[in-house]
Amino acid sequence: EKLIDRARHVEVQLLADAHGEVVHLFERDCSMQRRHQKLVEEAPAPSLAAGLRERLGAAALAAARAVGYTSAGTVEFLVAPEGAFYFLEMNTRIQVEHPVTELVYGVDLVREQLRIAAGQPMRVHGATGPGGQLHPRGHAIECRITAEDPFNDFLPATGVLQYLRVPSGPGIRWDAGVEA
């Protein structure tokens, strides 16, 4: 395999319905990882050249069309510093990091996925290009907080959560599966 030093993990969000509409909702950067688990996801991907953004979107659309894909999905790429990119995988489901795309582009991806599953046309059309309806509004970052043991090489750990103070304020979304 080719070594790509300082590579970025960039994924493109897709929607495709049974009526022939296939759109991408631009990209997320998921490069910050530990043990191959994503820790920080952000949309849009920072410092991504416009031409590269367009090529990634076009490649993701081509992949979905090539297999006749319908639903919400994500095409993941490894991006080299000079702008070359390589296909990693396609996730044929909503991913846990989908809210950063929802927040920036104002599209409820779960609702659209349910519409598509019911055979209805999606409400998002012509998302790409200057006349498209999707334009980023701000920037969103998702952080996954993990339970790790700093005295054991930061390996995953279990235990009792005795205190939990959740973040709050404007623009904060808190999704959790734990409580104190």
N, C-alpha and C. Protein backbone atom coordinates (compact mmCIF):
# COMPACT_ATOMS: atom_id res chain seq x y z
N GLU A 1 0.84 -1.18 0.00
CA GLU A 1 0.00 0.00 0.00
C GLU A 1 0.88 1.24 0.00
N LYS A 2 0.38 2.26 -0.61
CA LYS A 2 1.09 3.53 -0.68
C LYS A 2 1.03 4.23 0.68
N LEU A 3 2.15 4.75 1.13
CA LEU A 3 2.20 5.54 2.36
C LEU A 3 1.82 6.97 2.03
N ILE A 4 0.85 7.50 2.76
CA ILE A 4 0.46 8.90 2.59
C ILE A 4 0.71 9.58 3.93
N ASP A 5 1.79 10.34 3.98
CA ASP A 5 2.18 11.03 5.21
C ASP A 5 1.32 12.27 5.40
N ARG A 6 0.87 12.52 6.63
CA ARG A 6 0.03 13.67 6.98
C ARG A 6 -1.28 13.67 6.21
N ALA A 7 -1.85 12.51 6.00
CA ALA A 7 -3.12 12.38 5.28
C ALA A 7 -4.28 12.90 6.13
N ARG A 8 -5.33 13.30 5.46
CA ARG A 8 -6.57 13.70 6.11
C ARG A 8 -7.65 12.69 5.78
N HIS A 9 -8.57 12.51 6.69
CA HIS A 9 -9.73 11.64 6.49
C HIS A 9 -10.92 12.56 6.24
N VAL A 10 -11.37 12.60 4.98
CA VAL A 10 -12.46 13.48 4.59
C VAL A 10 -13.58 12.63 4.01
N GLU A 11 -14.80 12.88 4.46
CA GLU A 11 -15.93 12.10 3.97
C GLU A 11 -17.00 13.03 3.40
N VAL A 12 -17.71 12.53 2.39
CA VAL A 12 -18.73 13.30 1.69
C VAL A 12 -20.09 12.68 2.00
N GLN A 13 -21.01 13.51 2.48
CA GLN A 13 -22.38 13.07 2.80
C GLN A 13 -23.22 13.03 1.53
N LEU A 14 -23.96 11.94 1.34
CA LEU A 14 -24.81 11.76 0.16
C LEU A 14 -26.26 11.54 0.53
N LEU A 15 -27.14 11.91 -0.39
CA LEU A 15 -28.54 11.50 -0.37
C LEU A 15 -28.88 11.06 -1.79
N ALA A 16 -29.57 9.95 -1.93
CA ALA A 16 -29.98 9.46 -3.25
C ALA A 16 -31.35 8.82 -3.12
N ASP A 17 -32.28 9.22 -3.99
CA ASP A 17 -33.62 8.64 -3.91
C ASP A 17 -33.92 7.76 -5.11
N ALA A 18 -35.05 7.08 -5.09
CA ALA A 18 -35.44 6.16 -6.15
C ALA A 18 -35.96 6.91 -7.38
N HIS A 19 -36.01 8.22 -7.33
CA HIS A 19 -36.50 9.03 -8.44
C HIS A 19 -35.35 9.59 -9.28
N GLY A 20 -34.14 9.09 -9.01
CA GLY A 20 -32.98 9.47 -9.82
C GLY A 20 -32.20 10.66 -9.30
N GLU A 21 -32.61 11.22 -8.19
CA GLU A 21 -31.90 12.38 -7.63
C GLU A 21 -30.77 11.88 -6.73
N VAL A 22 -29.56 12.34 -7.01
CA VAL A 22 -28.40 12.01 -6.17
C VAL A 22 -27.67 13.33 -5.92
N VAL A 23 -27.52 13.67 -4.65
CA VAL A 23 -26.85 14.92 -4.29
C VAL A 23 -25.84 14.65 -3.18
N HIS A 24 -24.86 15.53 -3.11
CA HIS A 24 -23.95 15.47 -1.97
C HIS A 24 -24.14 16.72 -1.14
N LEU A 25 -23.94 16.57 0.15
CA LEU A 25 -24.05 17.68 1.08
C LEU A 25 -22.66 18.02 1.59
N PHE A 26 -21.75 18.10 0.66
CA PHE A 26 -20.38 18.52 0.91
C PHE A 26 -19.68 17.57 1.88
N GLU A 27 -18.70 18.06 2.59
CA GLU A 27 -17.78 17.15 3.28
C GLU A 27 -17.63 17.49 4.76
N ARG A 28 -17.08 16.47 5.45
CA ARG A 28 -16.68 16.61 6.85
C ARG A 28 -15.24 16.14 6.96
N ASP A 29 -14.49 16.75 7.84
CA ASP A 29 -13.12 16.30 8.11
C ASP A 29 -13.16 15.50 9.40
N CYS A 30 -12.66 14.28 9.33
CA CYS A 30 -12.65 13.37 10.48
C CYS A 30 -11.23 12.89 10.75
N SER A 31 -10.25 13.76 10.56
CA SER A 31 -8.85 13.37 10.63
C SER A 31 -8.35 13.13 12.05
N MET A 32 -8.93 13.80 13.03
CA MET A 32 -8.44 13.64 14.40
C MET A 32 -9.02 12.35 14.98
N GLN A 33 -8.16 11.36 15.11
CA GLN A 33 -8.57 10.03 15.56
C GLN A 33 -7.56 9.47 16.55
N ARG A 34 -8.03 8.52 17.34
CA ARG A 34 -7.15 7.74 18.19
C ARG A 34 -7.58 6.28 18.04
N ARG A 35 -6.60 5.43 17.79
CA ARG A 35 -6.87 4.00 17.57
C ARG A 35 -7.95 3.78 16.51
N HIS A 36 -7.87 4.54 15.43
CA HIS A 36 -8.79 4.44 14.29
C HIS A 36 -10.24 4.78 14.66
N GLN A 37 -10.45 5.48 15.76
CA GLN A 37 -11.77 5.94 16.15
C GLN A 37 -11.81 7.46 16.03
N LYS A 38 -12.82 7.96 15.35
CA LYS A 38 -12.95 9.40 15.15
C LYS A 38 -13.22 10.09 16.49
N LEU A 39 -12.51 11.18 16.75
CA LEU A 39 -12.71 11.95 17.97
C LEU A 39 -13.31 13.32 17.69
N VAL A 40 -12.92 13.94 16.58
CA VAL A 40 -13.42 15.26 16.21
C VAL A 40 -13.84 15.22 14.75
N GLU A 41 -15.04 15.70 14.49
CA GLU A 41 -15.54 15.82 13.12
C GLU A 41 -15.96 17.27 12.92
N GLU A 42 -15.68 17.80 11.74
CA GLU A 42 -16.10 19.18 11.49
C GLU A 42 -16.52 19.38 10.05
N ALA A 43 -17.49 20.27 9.90
CA ALA A 43 -18.00 20.62 8.57
C ALA A 43 -18.15 22.13 8.49
N PRO A 44 -17.82 22.71 7.34
CA PRO A 44 -17.09 22.06 6.26
C PRO A 44 -15.64 21.77 6.67
N ALA A 45 -14.98 20.92 5.91
CA ALA A 45 -13.58 20.59 6.21
C ALA A 45 -12.74 21.84 6.11
N PRO A 46 -11.94 22.14 7.13
CA PRO A 46 -11.13 23.36 7.09
C PRO A 46 -10.00 23.26 6.08
N SER A 47 -9.64 24.40 5.51
CA SER A 47 -8.50 24.53 4.61
C SER A 47 -8.53 23.54 3.45
N LEU A 48 -9.70 23.33 2.90
CA LEU A 48 -9.85 22.44 1.75
C LEU A 48 -10.05 23.32 0.52
N ALA A 49 -9.17 23.22 -0.44
CA ALA A 49 -9.26 24.04 -1.65
C ALA A 49 -10.57 23.77 -2.37
N ALA A 50 -11.14 24.82 -2.96
CA ALA A 50 -12.43 24.70 -3.64
C ALA A 50 -12.40 23.63 -4.73
N GLY A 51 -11.32 23.56 -5.49
CA GLY A 51 -11.21 22.56 -6.55
C GLY A 51 -11.21 21.15 -6.00
N LEU A 52 -10.52 20.94 -4.89
CA LEU A 52 -10.49 19.62 -4.26
C LEU A 52 -11.87 19.27 -3.71
N ARG A 53 -12.54 20.24 -3.13
CA ARG A 53 -13.90 20.02 -2.61
C ARG A 53 -14.83 19.57 -3.74
N GLU A 54 -14.72 20.21 -4.88
CA GLU A 54 -15.56 19.83 -6.03
C GLU A 54 -15.23 18.43 -6.53
N ARG A 55 -13.92 18.09 -6.60
CA ARG A 55 -13.52 16.76 -7.09
C ARG A 55 -13.98 15.66 -6.13
N LEU A 56 -13.89 15.91 -4.82
CA LEU A 56 -14.36 14.92 -3.84
C LEU A 56 -15.86 14.70 -3.99
N GLY A 57 -16.61 15.79 -4.12
CA GLY A 57 -18.06 15.67 -4.29
C GLY A 57 -18.42 14.91 -5.55
N ALA A 58 -17.74 15.21 -6.64
CA ALA A 58 -18.00 14.52 -7.91
C ALA A 58 -17.67 13.03 -7.81
N ALA A 59 -16.58 12.69 -7.14
CA ALA A 59 -16.20 11.28 -6.98
C ALA A 59 -17.23 10.54 -6.13
N ALA A 60 -17.73 11.18 -5.08
CA ALA A 60 -18.74 10.55 -4.23
C ALA A 60 -20.04 10.32 -5.01
N LEU A 61 -20.45 11.31 -5.80
CA LEU A 61 -21.65 11.15 -6.61
C LEU A 61 -21.48 10.03 -7.63
N ALA A 62 -20.31 9.96 -8.25
CA ALA A 62 -20.05 8.91 -9.24
C ALA A 62 -20.12 7.53 -8.60
N ALA A 63 -19.59 7.40 -7.39
CA ALA A 63 -19.63 6.10 -6.70
C ALA A 63 -21.07 5.69 -6.42
N ALA A 64 -21.89 6.62 -5.93
CA ALA A 64 -23.29 6.31 -5.63
C ALA A 64 -24.06 5.94 -6.89
N ARG A 65 -23.84 6.69 -7.95
CA ARG A 65 -24.54 6.40 -9.21
C ARG A 65 -24.10 5.06 -9.80
N ALA A 66 -22.83 4.73 -9.66
CA ALA A 66 -22.30 3.49 -10.25
C ALA A 66 -22.95 2.25 -9.67
N VAL A 67 -23.37 2.32 -8.41
CA VAL A 67 -23.98 1.15 -7.78
C VAL A 67 -25.50 1.29 -7.63
N GLY A 68 -26.07 2.36 -8.18
CA GLY A 68 -27.52 2.57 -8.07
C GLY A 68 -27.97 2.78 -6.64
N TYR A 69 -27.18 3.48 -5.86
CA TYR A 69 -27.44 3.65 -4.43
C TYR A 69 -28.67 4.51 -4.17
N THR A 70 -29.46 4.13 -3.17
CA THR A 70 -30.56 4.96 -2.67
C THR A 70 -30.52 4.94 -1.15
N SER A 71 -30.57 6.10 -0.55
CA SER A 71 -30.63 6.32 0.90
C SER A 71 -29.66 7.43 1.26
N ALA A 72 -29.43 7.60 2.55
CA ALA A 72 -28.36 8.49 3.01
C ALA A 72 -27.10 7.64 3.11
N GLY A 73 -25.98 8.21 2.83
CA GLY A 73 -24.73 7.47 2.90
C GLY A 73 -23.55 8.42 2.92
N THR A 74 -22.39 7.84 3.15
CA THR A 74 -21.17 8.63 3.23
C THR A 74 -20.06 7.92 2.47
N VAL A 75 -19.36 8.66 1.62
CA VAL A 75 -18.20 8.13 0.92
C VAL A 75 -16.97 8.74 1.57
N GLU A 76 -16.07 7.86 2.02
CA GLU A 76 -14.89 8.31 2.76
C GLU A 76 -13.64 8.23 1.89
N PHE A 77 -12.79 9.25 2.06
CA PHE A 77 -11.57 9.36 1.28
C PHE A 77 -10.37 9.65 2.18
N LEU A 78 -9.21 9.22 1.75
CA LEU A 78 -7.94 9.60 2.34
C LEU A 78 -7.37 10.68 1.42
N VAL A 79 -7.07 11.86 1.97
CA VAL A 79 -6.62 13.00 1.17
C VAL A 79 -5.17 13.31 1.50
N ALA A 80 -4.34 13.30 0.47
CA ALA A 80 -2.91 13.60 0.62
C ALA A 80 -2.71 15.11 0.67
N PRO A 81 -1.62 15.57 1.28
CA PRO A 81 -1.38 17.01 1.39
C PRO A 81 -1.36 17.75 0.05
N GLU A 82 -0.90 17.10 -1.02
CA GLU A 82 -0.83 17.77 -2.32
C GLU A 82 -2.17 17.77 -3.06
N GLY A 83 -3.22 17.13 -2.48
CA GLY A 83 -4.55 17.17 -3.08
C GLY A 83 -5.00 15.88 -3.74
N ALA A 84 -4.12 14.89 -3.88
CA ALA A 84 -4.57 13.59 -4.39
C ALA A 84 -5.47 12.96 -3.33
N PHE A 85 -6.45 12.17 -3.77
CA PHE A 85 -7.30 11.50 -2.79
C PHE A 85 -7.60 10.09 -3.24
N TYR A 86 -7.94 9.24 -2.26
CA TYR A 86 -8.11 7.82 -2.48
C TYR A 86 -9.36 7.35 -1.75
N PHE A 87 -10.15 6.52 -2.42
CA PHE A 87 -11.37 5.97 -1.85
C PHE A 87 -11.04 5.04 -0.69
N LEU A 88 -11.71 5.20 0.44
CA LEU A 88 -11.57 4.30 1.58
C LEU A 88 -12.73 3.32 1.65
N GLU A 89 -13.96 3.87 1.75
CA GLU A 89 -15.14 3.03 1.88
C GLU A 89 -16.39 3.87 1.70
N MET A 90 -17.50 3.18 1.52
CA MET A 90 -18.80 3.85 1.53
C MET A 90 -19.62 3.27 2.66
N ASN A 91 -20.08 4.14 3.54
CA ASN A 91 -20.96 3.73 4.63
C ASN A 91 -22.40 3.95 4.17
N THR A 92 -23.16 2.88 4.11
CA THR A 92 -24.53 2.93 3.60
C THR A 92 -25.51 3.10 4.75
N ARG A 93 -25.27 4.17 5.51
CA ARG A 93 -26.10 4.45 6.69
C ARG A 93 -25.82 5.87 7.15
N ILE A 94 -26.63 6.33 8.06
CA ILE A 94 -26.36 7.60 8.74
C ILE A 94 -25.21 7.32 9.72
N GLN A 95 -24.27 8.24 9.78
CA GLN A 95 -23.16 8.09 10.72
C GLN A 95 -23.38 8.99 11.92
N VAL A 96 -22.72 8.66 13.01
CA VAL A 96 -22.89 9.42 14.24
C VAL A 96 -22.50 10.88 14.07
N GLU A 97 -21.65 11.19 13.13
CA GLU A 97 -21.22 12.58 12.93
C GLU A 97 -22.13 13.38 11.99
N HIS A 98 -23.26 12.81 11.59
CA HIS A 98 -24.15 13.52 10.67
C HIS A 98 -24.66 14.88 11.18
N PRO A 99 -24.77 15.10 12.49
CA PRO A 99 -25.29 16.41 12.94
C PRO A 99 -24.44 17.61 12.51
N VAL A 100 -23.13 17.44 12.32
CA VAL A 100 -22.35 18.61 11.90
C VAL A 100 -22.76 19.05 10.49
N THR A 101 -23.10 18.11 9.64
CA THR A 101 -23.59 18.45 8.31
C THR A 101 -24.97 19.09 8.42
N GLU A 102 -25.84 18.52 9.24
CA GLU A 102 -27.18 19.08 9.43
C GLU A 102 -27.11 20.53 9.90
N LEU A 103 -26.25 20.80 10.87
CA LEU A 103 -26.16 22.15 11.42
C LEU A 103 -25.66 23.17 10.41
N VAL A 104 -24.69 22.79 9.61
CA VAL A 104 -24.09 23.73 8.66
C VAL A 104 -24.97 23.94 7.43
N TYR A 105 -25.67 22.91 6.98
CA TYR A 105 -26.44 23.01 5.74
C TYR A 105 -27.94 23.05 5.95
N GLY A 106 -28.41 22.91 7.19
CA GLY A 106 -29.84 23.06 7.48
C GLY A 106 -30.72 21.97 6.90
N VAL A 107 -30.19 20.77 6.77
CA VAL A 107 -30.95 19.64 6.23
C VAL A 107 -31.08 18.57 7.30
N ASP A 108 -32.29 18.10 7.54
CA ASP A 108 -32.52 17.00 8.48
C ASP A 108 -32.27 15.70 7.72
N LEU A 109 -31.07 15.14 7.88
CA LEU A 109 -30.68 13.94 7.12
C LEU A 109 -31.52 12.72 7.48
N VAL A 110 -31.89 12.59 8.73
CA VAL A 110 -32.71 11.44 9.14
C VAL A 110 -34.09 11.53 8.48
N ARG A 111 -34.70 12.72 8.49
CA ARG A 111 -36.00 12.89 7.82
C ARG A 111 -35.88 12.54 6.34
N GLU A 112 -34.82 13.03 5.69
CA GLU A 112 -34.65 12.73 4.27
C GLU A 112 -34.45 11.24 4.04
N GLN A 113 -33.70 10.58 4.91
CA GLN A 113 -33.49 9.14 4.78
C GLN A 113 -34.83 8.39 4.92
N LEU A 114 -35.67 8.82 5.84
CA LEU A 114 -36.98 8.18 6.01
C LEU A 114 -37.87 8.42 4.79
N ARG A 115 -37.84 9.62 4.23
CA ARG A 115 -38.61 9.91 3.01
C ARG A 115 -38.15 8.99 1.87
N ILE A 116 -36.85 8.86 1.73
CA ILE A 116 -36.30 8.02 0.67
C ILE A 116 -36.72 6.57 0.87
N ALA A 117 -36.64 6.08 2.12
CA ALA A 117 -37.03 4.69 2.42
C ALA A 117 -38.51 4.45 2.12
N ALA A 118 -39.34 5.48 2.26
CA ALA A 118 -40.78 5.36 1.99
C ALA A 118 -41.09 5.53 0.50
N GLY A 119 -40.06 5.70 -0.33
CA GLY A 119 -40.26 5.83 -1.76
C GLY A 119 -40.60 7.24 -2.21
N GLN A 120 -40.53 8.19 -1.30
CA GLN A 120 -40.84 9.58 -1.63
C GLN A 120 -39.59 10.27 -2.17
N PRO A 121 -39.78 11.31 -2.97
CA PRO A 121 -38.61 12.06 -3.41
C PRO A 121 -38.05 12.88 -2.25
N MET A 122 -36.75 13.04 -2.24
CA MET A 122 -36.16 13.86 -1.18
C MET A 122 -36.44 15.33 -1.47
N ARG A 123 -36.32 16.14 -0.44
CA ARG A 123 -36.60 17.57 -0.57
C ARG A 123 -35.38 18.37 -0.97
N VAL A 124 -34.22 17.74 -0.99
CA VAL A 124 -32.97 18.44 -1.33
C VAL A 124 -32.69 18.17 -2.81
N HIS A 125 -32.56 19.27 -3.58
CA HIS A 125 -32.33 19.12 -5.02
C HIS A 125 -31.23 20.07 -5.46
N GLY A 126 -30.46 19.63 -6.46
CA GLY A 126 -29.46 20.50 -7.06
C GLY A 126 -28.55 21.15 -6.04
N ALA A 127 -28.04 20.34 -5.13
CA ALA A 127 -27.30 20.87 -4.00
C ALA A 127 -25.98 21.52 -4.38
N THR A 128 -25.39 21.10 -5.49
CA THR A 128 -24.05 21.59 -5.80
C THR A 128 -24.09 22.68 -6.85
N GLY A 129 -23.03 23.44 -6.93
CA GLY A 129 -22.91 24.48 -7.94
C GLY A 129 -23.39 25.82 -7.46
N PRO A 130 -23.11 26.88 -8.24
CA PRO A 130 -23.44 28.24 -7.82
C PRO A 130 -24.94 28.46 -7.62
N GLY A 131 -25.77 27.79 -8.41
CA GLY A 131 -27.22 27.96 -8.28
C GLY A 131 -27.85 26.99 -7.30
N GLY A 132 -27.04 26.17 -6.66
CA GLY A 132 -27.57 25.16 -5.75
C GLY A 132 -28.17 25.77 -4.50
N GLN A 133 -28.98 24.96 -3.82
CA GLN A 133 -29.69 25.47 -2.65
C GLN A 133 -28.89 25.32 -1.36
N LEU A 134 -27.79 24.60 -1.40
CA LEU A 134 -27.02 24.37 -0.17
C LEU A 134 -25.77 25.24 -0.13
N HIS A 135 -25.68 26.02 0.90
CA HIS A 135 -24.51 26.85 1.14
C HIS A 135 -24.19 26.77 2.62
N PRO A 136 -22.92 26.63 2.96
CA PRO A 136 -22.59 26.51 4.38
C PRO A 136 -22.96 27.78 5.14
N ARG A 137 -23.53 27.56 6.32
CA ARG A 137 -23.83 28.66 7.24
C ARG A 137 -23.03 28.38 8.51
N GLY A 138 -21.85 28.92 8.55
CA GLY A 138 -21.01 28.74 9.73
C GLY A 138 -20.18 27.48 9.65
N HIS A 139 -19.84 26.98 10.81
CA HIS A 139 -18.95 25.83 10.96
C HIS A 139 -19.44 25.03 12.16
N ALA A 140 -19.40 23.73 12.07
CA ALA A 140 -19.83 22.89 13.20
C ALA A 140 -18.73 21.88 13.52
N ILE A 141 -18.55 21.65 14.81
CA ILE A 141 -17.56 20.69 15.29
C ILE A 141 -18.24 19.74 16.27
N GLU A 142 -17.99 18.45 16.09
CA GLU A 142 -18.48 17.43 17.02
C GLU A 142 -17.28 16.81 17.70
N CYS A 143 -17.36 16.69 19.01
CA CYS A 143 -16.30 16.05 19.79
C CYS A 143 -16.87 14.82 20.48
N ARG A 144 -16.20 13.71 20.32
CA ARG A 144 -16.60 12.49 21.02
C ARG A 144 -15.75 12.38 22.28
N ILE A 145 -16.41 12.34 23.39
CA ILE A 145 -15.71 12.23 24.66
C ILE A 145 -15.65 10.75 25.01
N THR A 146 -14.45 10.26 25.25
CA THR A 146 -14.27 8.83 25.50
C THR A 146 -13.80 8.58 26.93
N ALA A 147 -14.07 7.39 27.42
CA ALA A 147 -13.61 6.98 28.75
C ALA A 147 -12.31 6.19 28.56
N GLU A 148 -11.22 6.80 29.01
CA GLU A 148 -9.90 6.18 28.86
C GLU A 148 -9.14 6.27 30.17
N ASP A 149 -8.22 5.35 30.35
CA ASP A 149 -7.41 5.29 31.57
C ASP A 149 -6.04 5.91 31.29
N PRO A 150 -5.77 7.13 31.79
CA PRO A 150 -4.47 7.77 31.52
C PRO A 150 -3.30 7.04 32.16
N PHE A 151 -3.56 6.19 33.15
CA PHE A 151 -2.49 5.45 33.81
C PHE A 151 -2.22 4.10 33.15
N ASN A 152 -2.98 3.80 32.09
CA ASN A 152 -2.81 2.54 31.36
C ASN A 152 -2.76 2.84 29.86
N ASP A 153 -1.86 3.74 29.46
CA ASP A 153 -1.64 4.09 28.05
C ASP A 153 -2.93 4.56 27.37
N PHE A 154 -3.82 5.18 28.13
CA PHE A 154 -5.07 5.72 27.62
C PHE A 154 -5.94 4.67 26.94
N LEU A 155 -5.88 3.44 27.42
CA LEU A 155 -6.75 2.40 26.88
C LEU A 155 -8.18 2.65 27.33
N PRO A 156 -9.16 2.19 26.55
CA PRO A 156 -10.56 2.35 26.96
C PRO A 156 -10.78 1.75 28.35
N ALA A 157 -11.64 2.41 29.12
CA ALA A 157 -11.89 1.98 30.49
C ALA A 157 -13.37 2.11 30.82
N THR A 158 -13.80 1.31 31.77
CA THR A 158 -15.17 1.40 32.26
C THR A 158 -15.12 1.83 33.72
N GLY A 159 -16.25 2.17 34.26
CA GLY A 159 -16.32 2.57 35.65
C GLY A 159 -17.57 3.35 35.93
N VAL A 160 -17.66 3.89 37.12
CA VAL A 160 -18.81 4.66 37.55
C VAL A 160 -18.57 6.13 37.23
N LEU A 161 -19.54 6.76 36.61
CA LEU A 161 -19.48 8.18 36.32
C LEU A 161 -20.14 8.89 37.50
N GLN A 162 -19.31 9.51 38.32
CA GLN A 162 -19.81 10.11 39.55
C GLN A 162 -20.32 11.53 39.36
N TYR A 163 -19.78 12.24 38.41
CA TYR A 163 -20.18 13.63 38.18
C TYR A 163 -20.17 13.91 36.69
N LEU A 164 -21.18 14.62 36.23
CA LEU A 164 -21.25 14.96 34.82
C LEU A 164 -21.84 16.37 34.70
N ARG A 165 -21.10 17.26 34.09
CA ARG A 165 -21.60 18.60 33.80
C ARG A 165 -21.59 18.75 32.29
N VAL A 166 -22.76 18.86 31.72
CA VAL A 166 -22.86 18.92 30.26
C VAL A 166 -22.71 20.35 29.78
N PRO A 167 -22.15 20.53 28.59
CA PRO A 167 -22.01 21.88 28.05
C PRO A 167 -23.38 22.46 27.72
N SER A 168 -23.48 23.76 27.76
CA SER A 168 -24.73 24.42 27.41
C SER A 168 -24.42 25.76 26.79
N GLY A 169 -25.43 26.37 26.22
CA GLY A 169 -25.28 27.67 25.62
C GLY A 169 -25.72 27.67 24.18
N PRO A 170 -25.68 28.83 23.55
CA PRO A 170 -26.11 28.93 22.16
C PRO A 170 -25.28 28.03 21.24
N GLY A 171 -25.96 27.32 20.36
CA GLY A 171 -25.27 26.50 19.38
C GLY A 171 -24.76 25.17 19.89
N ILE A 172 -25.04 24.82 21.14
CA ILE A 172 -24.56 23.56 21.71
C ILE A 172 -25.64 22.49 21.54
N ARG A 173 -25.27 21.35 21.00
CA ARG A 173 -26.14 20.19 20.91
C ARG A 173 -25.47 19.10 21.71
N TRP A 174 -26.18 18.48 22.60
CA TRP A 174 -25.62 17.46 23.48
C TRP A 174 -26.35 16.15 23.22
N ASP A 175 -25.66 15.16 22.68
CA ASP A 175 -26.20 13.81 22.48
C ASP A 175 -25.38 12.90 23.37
N ALA A 176 -26.03 12.18 24.27
CA ALA A 176 -25.27 11.37 25.23
C ALA A 176 -25.99 10.06 25.51
N GLY A 177 -25.19 9.11 25.93
CA GLY A 177 -25.72 7.83 26.36
C GLY A 177 -25.33 7.53 27.79
N VAL A 178 -24.95 8.58 28.52
CA VAL A 178 -24.53 8.41 29.90
C VAL A 178 -25.16 9.47 30.79
N GLU A 179 -25.16 9.18 32.06
CA GLU A 179 -25.59 10.15 33.06
C GLU A 179 -24.86 9.84 34.36
N ALA A 180 -24.77 10.82 35.24
CA ALA A 180 -24.10 10.60 36.51
C ALA A 180 -24.94 9.66 37.37
